[in-house]
Amino acid sequence: MCKLIVIDDNPTDHYIMQRLLHNNCNCRQATYTFDGRLILDYLEENKESGTMPDLIFLDLDMPQLTGWEFLEQLETFNADANKNVRVHIMSSSIRTADLYQSKKYACVNSFLTKPLSKDLVNQVCEQARPIRPQPLDVAS
């Protein structure tokens, strides 16, 4: 099961994501926030403990810390961390400039256009699910 964070300034988008994740067996642990700074602080405080999220859904257009500013700081964080956090941008923007700019960041895995579908969210969560080591089959 993956650990997921949603950073979006719109409470309606939080609700939609909660509904999309309902009964999702790949991501049962989700955190929602309006402020990316809280997540950056959390990541910094927990980078040694191994309690990092597996993926972040990030909105770009936010009033305080924009998605672009968040990505800049996350790139710096990922350079020093043991685990790179994967980001999936979710935006209502259809500007091709945003898509091209998102490709500048190594942490960005995809650029998703809102509204997201349940199938798409399930697919992203399936890909982000941590791989568990399989027990060795030892013949006696």
N, C-alpha and C. Protein backbone atom coordinates (compact mmCIF):
# COMPACT_ATOMS: atom_id res chain seq x y z
N MET A 1 0.85 -1.17 0.00
CA MET A 1 0.00 0.00 0.00
C MET A 1 0.89 1.23 0.00
N CYS A 2 0.58 2.19 -0.86
CA CYS A 2 1.43 3.37 -0.96
C CYS A 2 0.93 4.49 -0.06
N LYS A 3 1.85 5.38 0.29
CA LYS A 3 1.53 6.58 1.05
C LYS A 3 1.42 7.73 0.06
N LEU A 4 0.32 8.44 0.15
CA LEU A 4 -0.03 9.45 -0.84
C LEU A 4 -0.29 10.79 -0.16
N ILE A 5 0.14 11.87 -0.80
CA ILE A 5 -0.16 13.22 -0.33
C ILE A 5 -0.78 13.99 -1.48
N VAL A 6 -1.85 14.73 -1.17
CA VAL A 6 -2.50 15.60 -2.14
C VAL A 6 -2.28 17.03 -1.68
N ILE A 7 -1.66 17.84 -2.54
CA ILE A 7 -1.45 19.26 -2.24
C ILE A 7 -2.27 20.06 -3.24
N ASP A 8 -3.31 20.69 -2.73
CA ASP A 8 -4.21 21.46 -3.58
C ASP A 8 -4.91 22.49 -2.72
N ASP A 9 -5.10 23.69 -3.23
CA ASP A 9 -5.73 24.75 -2.45
C ASP A 9 -7.25 24.73 -2.54
N ASN A 10 -7.82 23.79 -3.28
CA ASN A 10 -9.26 23.75 -3.51
C ASN A 10 -9.88 22.60 -2.71
N PRO A 11 -10.74 22.90 -1.72
CA PRO A 11 -11.36 21.83 -0.93
C PRO A 11 -12.22 20.89 -1.78
N THR A 12 -12.79 21.39 -2.86
CA THR A 12 -13.59 20.53 -3.73
C THR A 12 -12.70 19.47 -4.39
N ASP A 13 -11.50 19.86 -4.79
CA ASP A 13 -10.57 18.89 -5.37
C ASP A 13 -10.12 17.85 -4.34
N HIS A 14 -10.01 18.25 -3.07
CA HIS A 14 -9.71 17.28 -2.01
C HIS A 14 -10.83 16.25 -1.93
N TYR A 15 -12.05 16.74 -1.93
CA TYR A 15 -13.20 15.84 -1.84
C TYR A 15 -13.25 14.89 -3.04
N ILE A 16 -13.02 15.42 -4.23
CA ILE A 16 -13.03 14.58 -5.44
C ILE A 16 -11.96 13.49 -5.34
N MET A 17 -10.78 13.87 -4.89
CA MET A 17 -9.71 12.88 -4.75
C MET A 17 -10.06 11.83 -3.70
N GLN A 18 -10.69 12.25 -2.61
CA GLN A 18 -11.12 11.28 -1.61
C GLN A 18 -12.10 10.28 -2.20
N ARG A 19 -13.01 10.75 -3.03
CA ARG A 19 -13.96 9.86 -3.67
C ARG A 19 -13.26 8.94 -4.68
N LEU A 20 -12.29 9.46 -5.40
CA LEU A 20 -11.55 8.65 -6.37
C LEU A 20 -10.73 7.55 -5.68
N LEU A 21 -10.25 7.86 -4.49
CA LEU A 21 -9.43 6.90 -3.75
C LEU A 21 -10.25 5.94 -2.89
N HIS A 22 -11.54 6.17 -2.80
CA HIS A 22 -12.40 5.31 -1.98
C HIS A 22 -12.30 3.86 -2.46
N ASN A 23 -12.01 2.97 -1.54
CA ASN A 23 -11.84 1.53 -1.82
C ASN A 23 -10.66 1.21 -2.74
N ASN A 24 -9.69 2.09 -2.81
CA ASN A 24 -8.50 1.82 -3.61
C ASN A 24 -7.55 0.97 -2.77
N CYS A 25 -7.32 -0.26 -3.19
CA CYS A 25 -6.49 -1.17 -2.41
C CYS A 25 -5.00 -0.84 -2.50
N ASN A 26 -4.61 0.00 -3.44
CA ASN A 26 -3.19 0.35 -3.60
C ASN A 26 -2.77 1.55 -2.75
N CYS A 27 -3.70 2.44 -2.46
CA CYS A 27 -3.40 3.64 -1.67
C CYS A 27 -4.49 3.84 -0.63
N ARG A 28 -4.23 3.34 0.55
CA ARG A 28 -5.21 3.51 1.63
C ARG A 28 -4.79 4.57 2.62
N GLN A 29 -3.59 5.10 2.48
CA GLN A 29 -3.11 6.12 3.39
C GLN A 29 -2.89 7.40 2.59
N ALA A 30 -3.78 8.37 2.79
CA ALA A 30 -3.70 9.63 2.05
C ALA A 30 -3.76 10.81 3.01
N THR A 31 -2.94 11.80 2.74
CA THR A 31 -2.91 13.04 3.50
C THR A 31 -3.26 14.16 2.55
N TYR A 32 -4.06 15.10 3.02
CA TYR A 32 -4.51 16.22 2.19
C TYR A 32 -4.09 17.52 2.85
N THR A 33 -3.56 18.45 2.05
CA THR A 33 -3.16 19.74 2.58
C THR A 33 -3.38 20.83 1.55
N PHE A 34 -3.55 22.05 2.05
CA PHE A 34 -3.69 23.22 1.20
C PHE A 34 -2.35 23.93 1.01
N ASP A 35 -1.34 23.56 1.81
CA ASP A 35 -0.07 24.30 1.85
C ASP A 35 1.11 23.35 1.67
N GLY A 36 1.80 23.48 0.57
CA GLY A 36 2.96 22.64 0.28
C GLY A 36 4.10 22.82 1.25
N ARG A 37 4.17 23.98 1.91
CA ARG A 37 5.26 24.20 2.88
C ARG A 37 5.20 23.21 4.03
N LEU A 38 3.97 22.84 4.42
CA LEU A 38 3.83 21.86 5.50
C LEU A 38 4.44 20.52 5.09
N ILE A 39 4.28 20.16 3.84
CA ILE A 39 4.83 18.89 3.35
C ILE A 39 6.34 18.96 3.25
N LEU A 40 6.86 20.08 2.78
CA LEU A 40 8.32 20.24 2.72
C LEU A 40 8.93 20.13 4.12
N ASP A 41 8.28 20.74 5.10
CA ASP A 41 8.75 20.64 6.48
C ASP A 41 8.68 19.19 6.97
N TYR A 42 7.57 18.52 6.67
CA TYR A 42 7.41 17.12 7.06
C TYR A 42 8.50 16.25 6.44
N LEU A 43 8.76 16.45 5.16
CA LEU A 43 9.78 15.66 4.47
C LEU A 43 11.14 15.86 5.13
N GLU A 44 11.47 17.10 5.41
CA GLU A 44 12.76 17.40 6.03
C GLU A 44 12.88 16.74 7.40
N GLU A 45 11.82 16.80 8.19
CA GLU A 45 11.84 16.22 9.53
C GLU A 45 11.91 14.70 9.51
N ASN A 46 11.42 14.07 8.44
CA ASN A 46 11.30 12.61 8.42
C ASN A 46 12.20 11.92 7.41
N LYS A 47 13.13 12.64 6.82
CA LYS A 47 13.94 12.02 5.76
C LYS A 47 14.82 10.89 6.27
N GLU A 48 15.17 10.89 7.52
CA GLU A 48 16.01 9.82 8.07
C GLU A 48 15.19 8.66 8.59
N SER A 49 13.91 8.88 8.87
CA SER A 49 13.09 7.84 9.52
C SER A 49 12.48 6.85 8.54
N GLY A 50 12.46 7.17 7.26
CA GLY A 50 11.89 6.26 6.28
C GLY A 50 10.38 6.34 6.17
N THR A 51 9.77 7.36 6.74
CA THR A 51 8.31 7.51 6.67
C THR A 51 7.93 8.49 5.56
N MET A 52 8.59 8.40 4.47
CA MET A 52 8.36 9.30 3.34
C MET A 52 7.14 8.83 2.53
N PRO A 53 6.45 9.78 1.91
CA PRO A 53 5.36 9.38 1.02
C PRO A 53 5.91 8.72 -0.24
N ASP A 54 5.09 7.89 -0.87
CA ASP A 54 5.49 7.27 -2.13
C ASP A 54 5.20 8.18 -3.31
N LEU A 55 4.16 8.98 -3.18
CA LEU A 55 3.85 9.90 -4.27
C LEU A 55 3.06 11.10 -3.77
N ILE A 56 3.15 12.16 -4.55
CA ILE A 56 2.44 13.40 -4.26
C ILE A 56 1.65 13.79 -5.50
N PHE A 57 0.37 14.09 -5.30
CA PHE A 57 -0.42 14.75 -6.34
C PHE A 57 -0.35 16.23 -6.04
N LEU A 58 0.12 17.02 -7.00
CA LEU A 58 0.40 18.44 -6.77
C LEU A 58 -0.35 19.32 -7.75
N ASP A 59 -1.08 20.30 -7.21
CA ASP A 59 -1.70 21.33 -8.02
C ASP A 59 -0.66 22.42 -8.26
N LEU A 60 -0.67 23.05 -9.41
CA LEU A 60 0.31 24.09 -9.74
C LEU A 60 -0.11 25.48 -9.27
N ASP A 61 -1.36 25.82 -9.48
CA ASP A 61 -1.83 27.18 -9.21
C ASP A 61 -2.38 27.28 -7.79
N MET A 62 -1.50 27.70 -6.88
CA MET A 62 -1.89 27.88 -5.49
C MET A 62 -1.42 29.26 -5.04
N PRO A 63 -2.13 29.87 -4.08
CA PRO A 63 -1.86 31.27 -3.75
C PRO A 63 -0.58 31.53 -2.97
N GLN A 64 -0.19 30.66 -2.04
CA GLN A 64 0.96 30.96 -1.20
C GLN A 64 2.24 30.40 -1.81
N LEU A 65 2.42 29.13 -1.72
CA LEU A 65 3.56 28.46 -2.33
C LEU A 65 3.04 27.78 -3.59
N THR A 66 3.44 28.25 -4.74
CA THR A 66 2.93 27.66 -5.98
C THR A 66 3.50 26.26 -6.17
N GLY A 67 2.88 25.51 -7.05
CA GLY A 67 3.39 24.18 -7.36
C GLY A 67 4.81 24.25 -7.92
N TRP A 68 5.10 25.27 -8.71
CA TRP A 68 6.45 25.42 -9.27
C TRP A 68 7.47 25.66 -8.16
N GLU A 69 7.13 26.50 -7.20
CA GLU A 69 8.03 26.76 -6.08
C GLU A 69 8.23 25.50 -5.24
N PHE A 70 7.15 24.75 -5.06
CA PHE A 70 7.25 23.48 -4.34
C PHE A 70 8.21 22.53 -5.05
N LEU A 71 8.08 22.43 -6.37
CA LEU A 71 8.94 21.53 -7.14
C LEU A 71 10.41 21.93 -7.03
N GLU A 72 10.69 23.23 -7.07
CA GLU A 72 12.08 23.70 -6.92
C GLU A 72 12.67 23.22 -5.60
N GLN A 73 11.91 23.37 -4.52
CA GLN A 73 12.40 22.97 -3.20
C GLN A 73 12.46 21.45 -3.07
N LEU A 74 11.53 20.75 -3.68
CA LEU A 74 11.54 19.29 -3.62
C LEU A 74 12.75 18.72 -4.39
N GLU A 75 13.11 19.33 -5.49
CA GLU A 75 14.30 18.88 -6.24
C GLU A 75 15.54 18.98 -5.36
N THR A 76 15.67 20.07 -4.62
CA THR A 76 16.80 20.23 -3.71
C THR A 76 16.75 19.18 -2.61
N PHE A 77 15.57 18.95 -2.07
CA PHE A 77 15.40 17.93 -1.03
C PHE A 77 15.77 16.55 -1.56
N ASN A 78 15.26 16.18 -2.73
CA ASN A 78 15.51 14.86 -3.30
C ASN A 78 16.99 14.61 -3.55
N ALA A 79 17.73 15.67 -3.84
CA ALA A 79 19.16 15.51 -4.09
C ALA A 79 19.89 15.01 -2.85
N ASP A 80 19.36 15.32 -1.66
CA ASP A 80 20.01 14.92 -0.40
C ASP A 80 19.33 13.75 0.30
N ALA A 81 18.16 13.35 -0.15
CA ALA A 81 17.39 12.32 0.56
C ALA A 81 17.73 10.92 0.07
N ASN A 82 17.44 9.95 0.92
CA ASN A 82 17.65 8.54 0.56
C ASN A 82 16.59 8.03 -0.40
N LYS A 83 15.41 8.64 -0.36
CA LYS A 83 14.30 8.21 -1.20
C LYS A 83 13.76 9.42 -1.95
N ASN A 84 13.67 9.31 -3.27
CA ASN A 84 13.10 10.39 -4.05
C ASN A 84 11.58 10.28 -4.05
N VAL A 85 10.94 11.40 -3.80
CA VAL A 85 9.49 11.45 -3.78
C VAL A 85 9.00 11.73 -5.20
N ARG A 86 8.08 10.90 -5.67
CA ARG A 86 7.53 11.05 -7.02
C ARG A 86 6.32 11.99 -6.99
N VAL A 87 6.25 12.86 -8.01
CA VAL A 87 5.18 13.84 -8.09
C VAL A 87 4.39 13.63 -9.37
N HIS A 88 3.07 13.72 -9.22
CA HIS A 88 2.17 13.72 -10.36
C HIS A 88 1.43 15.05 -10.30
N ILE A 89 1.72 15.90 -11.26
CA ILE A 89 1.06 17.19 -11.31
C ILE A 89 -0.38 16.98 -11.76
N MET A 90 -1.29 17.62 -11.06
CA MET A 90 -2.69 17.61 -11.48
C MET A 90 -3.11 19.07 -11.63
N SER A 91 -3.51 19.41 -12.82
CA SER A 91 -3.79 20.81 -13.09
C SER A 91 -4.97 20.93 -14.03
N SER A 92 -5.70 22.01 -13.88
CA SER A 92 -6.77 22.31 -14.85
C SER A 92 -6.20 23.06 -16.04
N SER A 93 -4.92 23.35 -16.01
CA SER A 93 -4.24 24.06 -17.10
C SER A 93 -4.09 23.16 -18.32
N ILE A 94 -4.33 23.73 -19.47
CA ILE A 94 -4.06 23.03 -20.72
C ILE A 94 -2.96 23.74 -21.50
N ARG A 95 -2.21 24.59 -20.78
CA ARG A 95 -1.10 25.32 -21.40
C ARG A 95 0.05 24.36 -21.68
N THR A 96 0.47 24.29 -22.93
CA THR A 96 1.59 23.40 -23.26
C THR A 96 2.87 23.86 -22.59
N ALA A 97 2.98 25.15 -22.30
CA ALA A 97 4.17 25.66 -21.61
C ALA A 97 4.30 25.03 -20.23
N ASP A 98 3.17 24.80 -19.55
CA ASP A 98 3.21 24.14 -18.24
C ASP A 98 3.70 22.70 -18.37
N LEU A 99 3.22 22.01 -19.37
CA LEU A 99 3.66 20.64 -19.61
C LEU A 99 5.16 20.58 -19.86
N TYR A 100 5.66 21.46 -20.71
CA TYR A 100 7.10 21.47 -21.00
C TYR A 100 7.92 21.87 -19.78
N GLN A 101 7.42 22.83 -19.01
CA GLN A 101 8.15 23.24 -17.81
C GLN A 101 8.21 22.10 -16.79
N SER A 102 7.15 21.32 -16.70
CA SER A 102 7.12 20.22 -15.74
C SER A 102 8.19 19.17 -16.04
N LYS A 103 8.57 19.05 -17.30
CA LYS A 103 9.57 18.06 -17.69
C LYS A 103 10.98 18.43 -17.23
N LYS A 104 11.16 19.64 -16.73
CA LYS A 104 12.46 20.07 -16.23
C LYS A 104 12.79 19.46 -14.86
N TYR A 105 11.78 18.89 -14.23
CA TYR A 105 11.95 18.38 -12.86
C TYR A 105 12.01 16.86 -12.88
N ALA A 106 13.09 16.32 -12.34
CA ALA A 106 13.27 14.87 -12.32
C ALA A 106 12.22 14.17 -11.47
N CYS A 107 11.69 14.86 -10.48
CA CYS A 107 10.71 14.24 -9.58
C CYS A 107 9.32 14.12 -10.19
N VAL A 108 9.06 14.82 -11.28
CA VAL A 108 7.73 14.79 -11.89
C VAL A 108 7.59 13.56 -12.78
N ASN A 109 6.61 12.72 -12.45
CA ASN A 109 6.37 11.51 -13.22
C ASN A 109 5.32 11.71 -14.30
N SER A 110 4.35 12.60 -14.05
CA SER A 110 3.32 12.81 -15.05
C SER A 110 2.64 14.16 -14.84
N PHE A 111 1.98 14.61 -15.90
CA PHE A 111 1.19 15.84 -15.88
C PHE A 111 -0.23 15.42 -16.22
N LEU A 112 -1.10 15.48 -15.23
CA LEU A 112 -2.48 15.01 -15.37
C LEU A 112 -3.42 16.21 -15.41
N THR A 113 -4.36 16.18 -16.32
CA THR A 113 -5.31 17.27 -16.46
C THR A 113 -6.58 16.95 -15.69
N LYS A 114 -7.00 17.90 -14.86
CA LYS A 114 -8.25 17.75 -14.11
C LYS A 114 -9.43 17.88 -15.07
N PRO A 115 -10.50 17.21 -14.80
CA PRO A 115 -10.76 16.32 -13.67
C PRO A 115 -10.11 14.96 -13.90
N LEU A 116 -9.60 14.39 -12.82
CA LEU A 116 -8.98 13.07 -12.90
C LEU A 116 -10.07 12.00 -12.86
N SER A 117 -9.75 10.85 -13.40
CA SER A 117 -10.69 9.72 -13.37
C SER A 117 -10.23 8.70 -12.33
N LYS A 118 -11.15 7.89 -11.89
CA LYS A 118 -10.83 6.83 -10.92
C LYS A 118 -9.82 5.86 -11.51
N ASP A 119 -9.99 5.50 -12.78
CA ASP A 119 -9.05 4.58 -13.43
C ASP A 119 -7.63 5.15 -13.47
N LEU A 120 -7.52 6.43 -13.77
CA LEU A 120 -6.20 7.06 -13.84
C LEU A 120 -5.55 7.10 -12.46
N VAL A 121 -6.30 7.48 -11.45
CA VAL A 121 -5.76 7.51 -10.09
C VAL A 121 -5.36 6.11 -9.65
N ASN A 122 -6.17 5.12 -9.96
CA ASN A 122 -5.83 3.74 -9.62
C ASN A 122 -4.53 3.31 -10.30
N GLN A 123 -4.37 3.69 -11.55
CA GLN A 123 -3.16 3.34 -12.30
C GLN A 123 -1.92 3.98 -11.67
N VAL A 124 -2.01 5.25 -11.30
CA VAL A 124 -0.88 5.94 -10.67
C VAL A 124 -0.54 5.28 -9.34
N CYS A 125 -1.56 4.96 -8.56
CA CYS A 125 -1.33 4.32 -7.26
C CYS A 125 -0.73 2.93 -7.41
N GLU A 126 -1.18 2.19 -8.40
CA GLU A 126 -0.64 0.85 -8.66
C GLU A 126 0.85 0.93 -8.98
N GLN A 127 1.23 1.90 -9.79
CA GLN A 127 2.63 2.06 -10.17
C GLN A 127 3.49 2.52 -9.00
N ALA A 128 2.89 3.23 -8.05
CA ALA A 128 3.65 3.78 -6.93
C ALA A 128 3.73 2.83 -5.76
N ARG A 129 2.94 1.78 -5.79
CA ARG A 129 2.92 0.84 -4.67
C ARG A 129 4.31 0.28 -4.44
N PRO A 130 4.79 0.35 -3.20
CA PRO A 130 6.12 -0.21 -2.92
C PRO A 130 6.17 -1.70 -3.20
N ILE A 131 7.27 -2.13 -3.74
CA ILE A 131 7.45 -3.55 -4.04
C ILE A 131 7.91 -4.25 -2.78
N ARG A 132 7.17 -5.25 -2.39
CA ARG A 132 7.53 -6.02 -1.20
C ARG A 132 8.40 -7.19 -1.62
N PRO A 133 9.46 -7.44 -0.89
CA PRO A 133 10.29 -8.60 -1.21
C PRO A 133 9.51 -9.89 -1.02
N GLN A 134 9.66 -10.79 -1.96
CA GLN A 134 9.01 -12.08 -1.90
C GLN A 134 9.85 -13.02 -1.05
N PRO A 135 9.21 -13.85 -0.22
CA PRO A 135 9.98 -14.82 0.59
C PRO A 135 10.68 -15.83 -0.33
N LEU A 136 11.83 -16.24 0.09
CA LEU A 136 12.58 -17.23 -0.65
C LEU A 136 11.92 -18.59 -0.52
N ASP A 137 11.85 -19.30 -1.62
CA ASP A 137 11.31 -20.65 -1.61
C ASP A 137 12.49 -21.59 -1.45
N VAL A 138 12.66 -22.04 -0.24
CA VAL A 138 13.80 -22.91 0.04
C VAL A 138 13.34 -24.36 0.07
N ALA A 139 13.88 -25.14 -0.82
CA ALA A 139 13.54 -26.57 -0.87
C ALA A 139 14.32 -27.30 0.20
N SER A 140 13.63 -28.21 0.89
CA SER A 140 14.33 -28.95 1.96
C SER A 140 14.91 -30.24 1.47
